[in-house]
Amino acid sequence: MENRLTSKQQKRQQEREIIDEYHRFVTEQALEPLYQSFLEWKSGVLPYFELTELIHQFHKENQGIYKDFEYIDRKELILLAKIKLGRLTEDDIIENKWLLERWGYEDKTFS
């Protein structure tokens, strides 16, 4: 007997994947300036004590990212992820029109 996912399970899996991809996207965006600071430190341009302060600042920012992903409504998080990753569909816009309007989101693609 084949083990097939139900459509509900498939949808949950797709949602998890988009959340994971969005989390990676947000975290890597936050890491990029820190990475550049490490390069500056390694080349002798940035003093070590400034780098350690930047590491501390990144840690605070990363805690904020964690909170954003843990304490936001799952449906809103998925919608935000789809917007930021360019994956918003016409169905998403129709189903979430009120929320998108509240966020001030305007997409001319589906008008």
N, C-alpha and C. Protein backbone atom coordinates (compact mmCIF):
# COMPACT_ATOMS: atom_id res chain seq x y z
N MET A 1 0.84 -1.18 0.00
CA MET A 1 0.00 0.00 0.00
C MET A 1 0.88 1.25 0.00
N GLU A 2 0.62 2.17 -0.91
CA GLU A 2 1.41 3.38 -1.01
C GLU A 2 1.03 4.35 0.10
N ASN A 3 2.02 5.07 0.57
CA ASN A 3 1.79 6.07 1.58
C ASN A 3 1.64 7.42 0.89
N ARG A 4 0.43 7.86 0.71
CA ARG A 4 0.16 9.13 0.03
C ARG A 4 -0.33 10.15 1.03
N LEU A 5 0.13 11.36 0.83
CA LEU A 5 -0.32 12.46 1.68
C LEU A 5 -1.69 12.94 1.22
N THR A 6 -2.53 13.27 2.16
CA THR A 6 -3.81 13.86 1.80
C THR A 6 -3.56 15.29 1.33
N SER A 7 -4.54 15.87 0.70
CA SER A 7 -4.36 17.24 0.21
C SER A 7 -4.12 18.20 1.38
N LYS A 8 -4.73 17.93 2.52
CA LYS A 8 -4.51 18.76 3.71
C LYS A 8 -3.07 18.62 4.21
N GLN A 9 -2.54 17.41 4.20
CA GLN A 9 -1.16 17.18 4.61
C GLN A 9 -0.19 17.83 3.62
N GLN A 10 -0.51 17.74 2.34
CA GLN A 10 0.33 18.37 1.32
C GLN A 10 0.36 19.88 1.51
N LYS A 11 -0.80 20.46 1.80
CA LYS A 11 -0.88 21.91 2.01
C LYS A 11 -0.04 22.31 3.22
N ARG A 12 -0.14 21.56 4.31
CA ARG A 12 0.65 21.85 5.52
C ARG A 12 2.15 21.74 5.21
N GLN A 13 2.52 20.75 4.43
CA GLN A 13 3.93 20.56 4.07
C GLN A 13 4.41 21.74 3.23
N GLN A 14 3.61 22.17 2.27
CA GLN A 14 3.97 23.32 1.44
C GLN A 14 4.10 24.58 2.29
N GLU A 15 3.19 24.74 3.26
CA GLU A 15 3.25 25.89 4.15
C GLU A 15 4.53 25.88 4.98
N ARG A 16 4.89 24.71 5.51
CA ARG A 16 6.13 24.59 6.28
C ARG A 16 7.34 24.94 5.42
N GLU A 17 7.33 24.48 4.19
CA GLU A 17 8.45 24.75 3.28
C GLU A 17 8.58 26.24 2.98
N ILE A 18 7.46 26.92 2.77
CA ILE A 18 7.54 28.36 2.46
C ILE A 18 7.96 29.14 3.70
N ILE A 19 7.51 28.72 4.88
CA ILE A 19 7.94 29.38 6.12
C ILE A 19 9.44 29.18 6.32
N ASP A 20 9.91 27.96 6.10
CA ASP A 20 11.35 27.68 6.23
C ASP A 20 12.16 28.52 5.25
N GLU A 21 11.69 28.60 4.02
CA GLU A 21 12.41 29.39 3.01
C GLU A 21 12.42 30.86 3.38
N TYR A 22 11.29 31.36 3.87
CA TYR A 22 11.21 32.76 4.27
C TYR A 22 12.10 33.04 5.48
N HIS A 23 12.12 32.10 6.45
CA HIS A 23 12.99 32.26 7.62
C HIS A 23 14.45 32.36 7.18
N ARG A 24 14.83 31.49 6.28
CA ARG A 24 16.21 31.52 5.77
C ARG A 24 16.49 32.85 5.07
N PHE A 25 15.56 33.32 4.26
CA PHE A 25 15.70 34.58 3.53
C PHE A 25 15.91 35.74 4.51
N VAL A 26 15.07 35.84 5.51
CA VAL A 26 15.14 36.94 6.49
C VAL A 26 16.45 36.86 7.28
N THR A 27 16.79 35.66 7.71
CA THR A 27 18.00 35.49 8.52
C THR A 27 19.25 35.80 7.70
N GLU A 28 19.29 35.34 6.46
CA GLU A 28 20.46 35.61 5.63
C GLU A 28 20.58 37.10 5.31
N GLN A 29 19.45 37.77 5.15
CA GLN A 29 19.50 39.22 4.95
C GLN A 29 20.12 39.91 6.15
N ALA A 30 19.76 39.45 7.34
CA ALA A 30 20.31 40.03 8.57
C ALA A 30 21.78 39.67 8.77
N LEU A 31 22.18 38.50 8.30
CA LEU A 31 23.56 38.05 8.45
C LEU A 31 24.54 38.73 7.49
N GLU A 32 24.07 39.14 6.35
CA GLU A 32 24.96 39.68 5.32
C GLU A 32 25.81 40.85 5.83
N PRO A 33 25.24 41.86 6.49
CA PRO A 33 26.09 42.95 7.00
C PRO A 33 27.10 42.45 8.05
N LEU A 34 26.71 41.49 8.85
CA LEU A 34 27.64 40.93 9.83
C LEU A 34 28.78 40.21 9.13
N TYR A 35 28.47 39.48 8.09
CA TYR A 35 29.50 38.81 7.30
C TYR A 35 30.50 39.82 6.75
N GLN A 36 29.98 40.92 6.21
CA GLN A 36 30.86 41.97 5.67
C GLN A 36 31.74 42.54 6.79
N SER A 37 31.17 42.66 7.98
CA SER A 37 31.96 43.15 9.12
C SER A 37 33.07 42.18 9.47
N PHE A 38 32.81 40.89 9.39
CA PHE A 38 33.85 39.89 9.64
C PHE A 38 34.98 40.05 8.62
N LEU A 39 34.63 40.28 7.37
CA LEU A 39 35.65 40.48 6.33
C LEU A 39 36.50 41.72 6.64
N GLU A 40 35.82 42.79 7.07
CA GLU A 40 36.54 44.02 7.43
C GLU A 40 37.46 43.79 8.62
N TRP A 41 36.99 43.04 9.59
CA TRP A 41 37.80 42.71 10.76
C TRP A 41 39.02 41.88 10.35
N LYS A 42 38.78 40.88 9.52
CA LYS A 42 39.86 39.99 9.09
C LYS A 42 40.93 40.76 8.30
N SER A 43 40.49 41.76 7.55
CA SER A 43 41.46 42.54 6.76
C SER A 43 42.12 43.65 7.58
N GLY A 44 41.70 43.80 8.83
CA GLY A 44 42.31 44.80 9.70
C GLY A 44 41.65 46.16 9.67
N VAL A 45 40.57 46.31 8.93
CA VAL A 45 39.87 47.59 8.83
C VAL A 45 38.98 47.84 10.05
N LEU A 46 38.37 46.80 10.58
CA LEU A 46 37.43 46.92 11.69
C LEU A 46 38.07 46.35 12.96
N PRO A 47 38.12 47.15 14.03
CA PRO A 47 38.69 46.64 15.28
C PRO A 47 37.81 45.53 15.88
N TYR A 48 38.44 44.61 16.58
CA TYR A 48 37.72 43.47 17.15
C TYR A 48 36.58 43.90 18.06
N PHE A 49 36.77 44.97 18.85
CA PHE A 49 35.73 45.38 19.79
C PHE A 49 34.49 45.91 19.08
N GLU A 50 34.66 46.49 17.89
CA GLU A 50 33.51 46.91 17.10
C GLU A 50 32.80 45.70 16.52
N LEU A 51 33.57 44.71 16.10
CA LEU A 51 32.97 43.48 15.58
C LEU A 51 32.15 42.78 16.67
N THR A 52 32.69 42.72 17.88
CA THR A 52 31.93 42.05 18.95
C THR A 52 30.63 42.80 19.25
N GLU A 53 30.65 44.12 19.12
CA GLU A 53 29.41 44.89 19.31
C GLU A 53 28.42 44.58 18.19
N LEU A 54 28.90 44.45 16.97
CA LEU A 54 28.04 44.11 15.84
C LEU A 54 27.47 42.70 15.99
N ILE A 55 28.25 41.79 16.53
CA ILE A 55 27.75 40.44 16.80
C ILE A 55 26.62 40.51 17.82
N HIS A 56 26.81 41.31 18.85
CA HIS A 56 25.78 41.49 19.87
C HIS A 56 24.49 42.07 19.27
N GLN A 57 24.66 43.07 18.39
CA GLN A 57 23.49 43.67 17.74
C GLN A 57 22.76 42.66 16.86
N PHE A 58 23.55 41.84 16.14
CA PHE A 58 22.92 40.80 15.32
C PHE A 58 22.14 39.82 16.20
N HIS A 59 22.70 39.47 17.33
CA HIS A 59 22.03 38.54 18.24
C HIS A 59 20.65 39.10 18.64
N LYS A 60 20.60 40.37 18.95
CA LYS A 60 19.32 41.01 19.30
C LYS A 60 18.35 40.95 18.11
N GLU A 61 18.88 41.27 16.92
CA GLU A 61 18.05 41.23 15.72
C GLU A 61 17.53 39.82 15.46
N ASN A 62 18.39 38.83 15.67
CA ASN A 62 17.99 37.44 15.47
C ASN A 62 16.92 37.02 16.46
N GLN A 63 16.99 37.53 17.67
CA GLN A 63 15.93 37.25 18.64
C GLN A 63 14.60 37.83 18.16
N GLY A 64 14.66 39.01 17.54
CA GLY A 64 13.45 39.60 16.98
C GLY A 64 12.89 38.76 15.84
N ILE A 65 13.78 38.23 15.01
CA ILE A 65 13.34 37.35 13.92
C ILE A 65 12.64 36.13 14.51
N TYR A 66 13.24 35.55 15.54
CA TYR A 66 12.64 34.38 16.21
C TYR A 66 11.23 34.72 16.70
N LYS A 67 11.09 35.85 17.36
CA LYS A 67 9.78 36.26 17.88
C LYS A 67 8.78 36.43 16.73
N ASP A 68 9.25 37.05 15.65
CA ASP A 68 8.36 37.25 14.50
C ASP A 68 7.82 35.93 13.97
N PHE A 69 8.64 34.91 13.99
CA PHE A 69 8.22 33.61 13.44
C PHE A 69 7.45 32.77 14.46
N GLU A 70 7.67 33.00 15.73
CA GLU A 70 7.01 32.18 16.75
C GLU A 70 5.68 32.76 17.23
N TYR A 71 5.56 34.08 17.19
CA TYR A 71 4.39 34.70 17.82
C TYR A 71 3.42 35.37 16.86
N ILE A 72 3.65 35.22 15.58
CA ILE A 72 2.70 35.76 14.60
C ILE A 72 1.72 34.65 14.22
N ASP A 73 0.53 35.05 13.87
CA ASP A 73 -0.47 34.10 13.40
C ASP A 73 0.08 33.36 12.18
N ARG A 74 -0.07 32.05 12.18
CA ARG A 74 0.51 31.22 11.11
C ARG A 74 0.01 31.65 9.72
N LYS A 75 -1.28 31.91 9.62
CA LYS A 75 -1.85 32.31 8.32
C LYS A 75 -1.23 33.63 7.85
N GLU A 76 -1.05 34.56 8.77
CA GLU A 76 -0.43 35.84 8.41
C GLU A 76 1.03 35.65 8.02
N LEU A 77 1.73 34.77 8.72
CA LEU A 77 3.13 34.51 8.42
C LEU A 77 3.28 33.93 7.02
N ILE A 78 2.42 33.01 6.68
CA ILE A 78 2.48 32.40 5.35
C ILE A 78 2.18 33.45 4.27
N LEU A 79 1.20 34.28 4.52
CA LEU A 79 0.86 35.34 3.57
C LEU A 79 2.04 36.31 3.40
N LEU A 80 2.64 36.72 4.51
CA LEU A 80 3.79 37.62 4.46
C LEU A 80 4.95 36.96 3.71
N ALA A 81 5.19 35.69 3.98
CA ALA A 81 6.26 34.96 3.29
C ALA A 81 6.02 34.93 1.79
N LYS A 82 4.79 34.67 1.40
CA LYS A 82 4.46 34.63 -0.03
C LYS A 82 4.68 35.99 -0.68
N ILE A 83 4.34 37.07 0.02
CA ILE A 83 4.56 38.41 -0.51
C ILE A 83 6.05 38.66 -0.70
N LYS A 84 6.82 38.42 0.36
CA LYS A 84 8.25 38.73 0.34
C LYS A 84 9.03 37.84 -0.63
N LEU A 85 8.56 36.62 -0.85
CA LEU A 85 9.24 35.70 -1.76
C LEU A 85 8.68 35.76 -3.18
N GLY A 86 7.70 36.64 -3.41
CA GLY A 86 7.12 36.78 -4.74
C GLY A 86 6.26 35.60 -5.15
N ARG A 87 5.58 34.99 -4.19
CA ARG A 87 4.78 33.80 -4.48
C ARG A 87 3.28 33.99 -4.24
N LEU A 88 2.86 35.22 -4.09
CA LEU A 88 1.45 35.48 -3.83
C LEU A 88 0.64 35.17 -5.08
N THR A 89 -0.42 34.41 -4.90
CA THR A 89 -1.28 34.03 -6.02
C THR A 89 -2.55 34.88 -6.02
N GLU A 90 -3.25 34.79 -7.11
CA GLU A 90 -4.53 35.50 -7.21
C GLU A 90 -5.49 34.98 -6.12
N ASP A 91 -5.49 33.67 -5.89
CA ASP A 91 -6.34 33.10 -4.83
C ASP A 91 -5.97 33.66 -3.46
N ASP A 92 -4.66 33.81 -3.19
CA ASP A 92 -4.22 34.40 -1.92
C ASP A 92 -4.77 35.81 -1.76
N ILE A 93 -4.72 36.57 -2.83
CA ILE A 93 -5.20 37.96 -2.78
C ILE A 93 -6.70 37.99 -2.53
N ILE A 94 -7.43 37.13 -3.20
CA ILE A 94 -8.89 37.09 -3.03
C ILE A 94 -9.25 36.66 -1.62
N GLU A 95 -8.61 35.59 -1.13
CA GLU A 95 -8.91 35.05 0.21
C GLU A 95 -8.52 36.01 1.33
N ASN A 96 -7.52 36.84 1.11
CA ASN A 96 -6.99 37.68 2.19
C ASN A 96 -7.09 39.17 1.88
N LYS A 97 -8.07 39.53 1.08
CA LYS A 97 -8.22 40.91 0.62
C LYS A 97 -8.24 41.90 1.79
N TRP A 98 -9.01 41.63 2.80
CA TRP A 98 -9.13 42.56 3.93
C TRP A 98 -7.80 42.75 4.65
N LEU A 99 -7.07 41.66 4.84
CA LEU A 99 -5.79 41.73 5.54
C LEU A 99 -4.75 42.47 4.69
N LEU A 100 -4.72 42.15 3.41
CA LEU A 100 -3.78 42.82 2.51
C LEU A 100 -4.06 44.32 2.45
N GLU A 101 -5.33 44.68 2.44
CA GLU A 101 -5.69 46.10 2.45
C GLU A 101 -5.26 46.76 3.76
N ARG A 102 -5.44 46.06 4.87
CA ARG A 102 -5.03 46.56 6.18
C ARG A 102 -3.52 46.79 6.23
N TRP A 103 -2.77 45.91 5.57
CA TRP A 103 -1.31 46.04 5.51
C TRP A 103 -0.87 47.09 4.50
N GLY A 104 -1.81 47.57 3.67
CA GLY A 104 -1.46 48.54 2.65
C GLY A 104 -0.83 47.92 1.41
N TYR A 105 -1.06 46.62 1.25
CA TYR A 105 -0.48 45.91 0.11
C TYR A 105 -1.32 46.17 -1.13
N GLU A 106 -0.63 46.56 -2.20
CA GLU A 106 -1.31 46.75 -3.48
C GLU A 106 -0.51 46.00 -4.54
N ASP A 107 -1.19 45.14 -5.25
CA ASP A 107 -0.54 44.39 -6.33
C ASP A 107 -1.37 44.59 -7.59
N LYS A 108 -0.77 45.22 -8.55
CA LYS A 108 -1.49 45.52 -9.82
C LYS A 108 -1.56 44.31 -10.73
N THR A 109 -0.79 43.26 -10.42
CA THR A 109 -0.72 42.09 -11.28
C THR A 109 -2.09 41.43 -11.47
N PHE A 110 -2.87 41.37 -10.39
CA PHE A 110 -4.14 40.65 -10.44
C PHE A 110 -5.35 41.55 -10.52
N SER A 111 -5.14 42.84 -10.71
CA SER A 111 -6.28 43.77 -10.76
C SER A 111 -7.09 43.62 -12.02
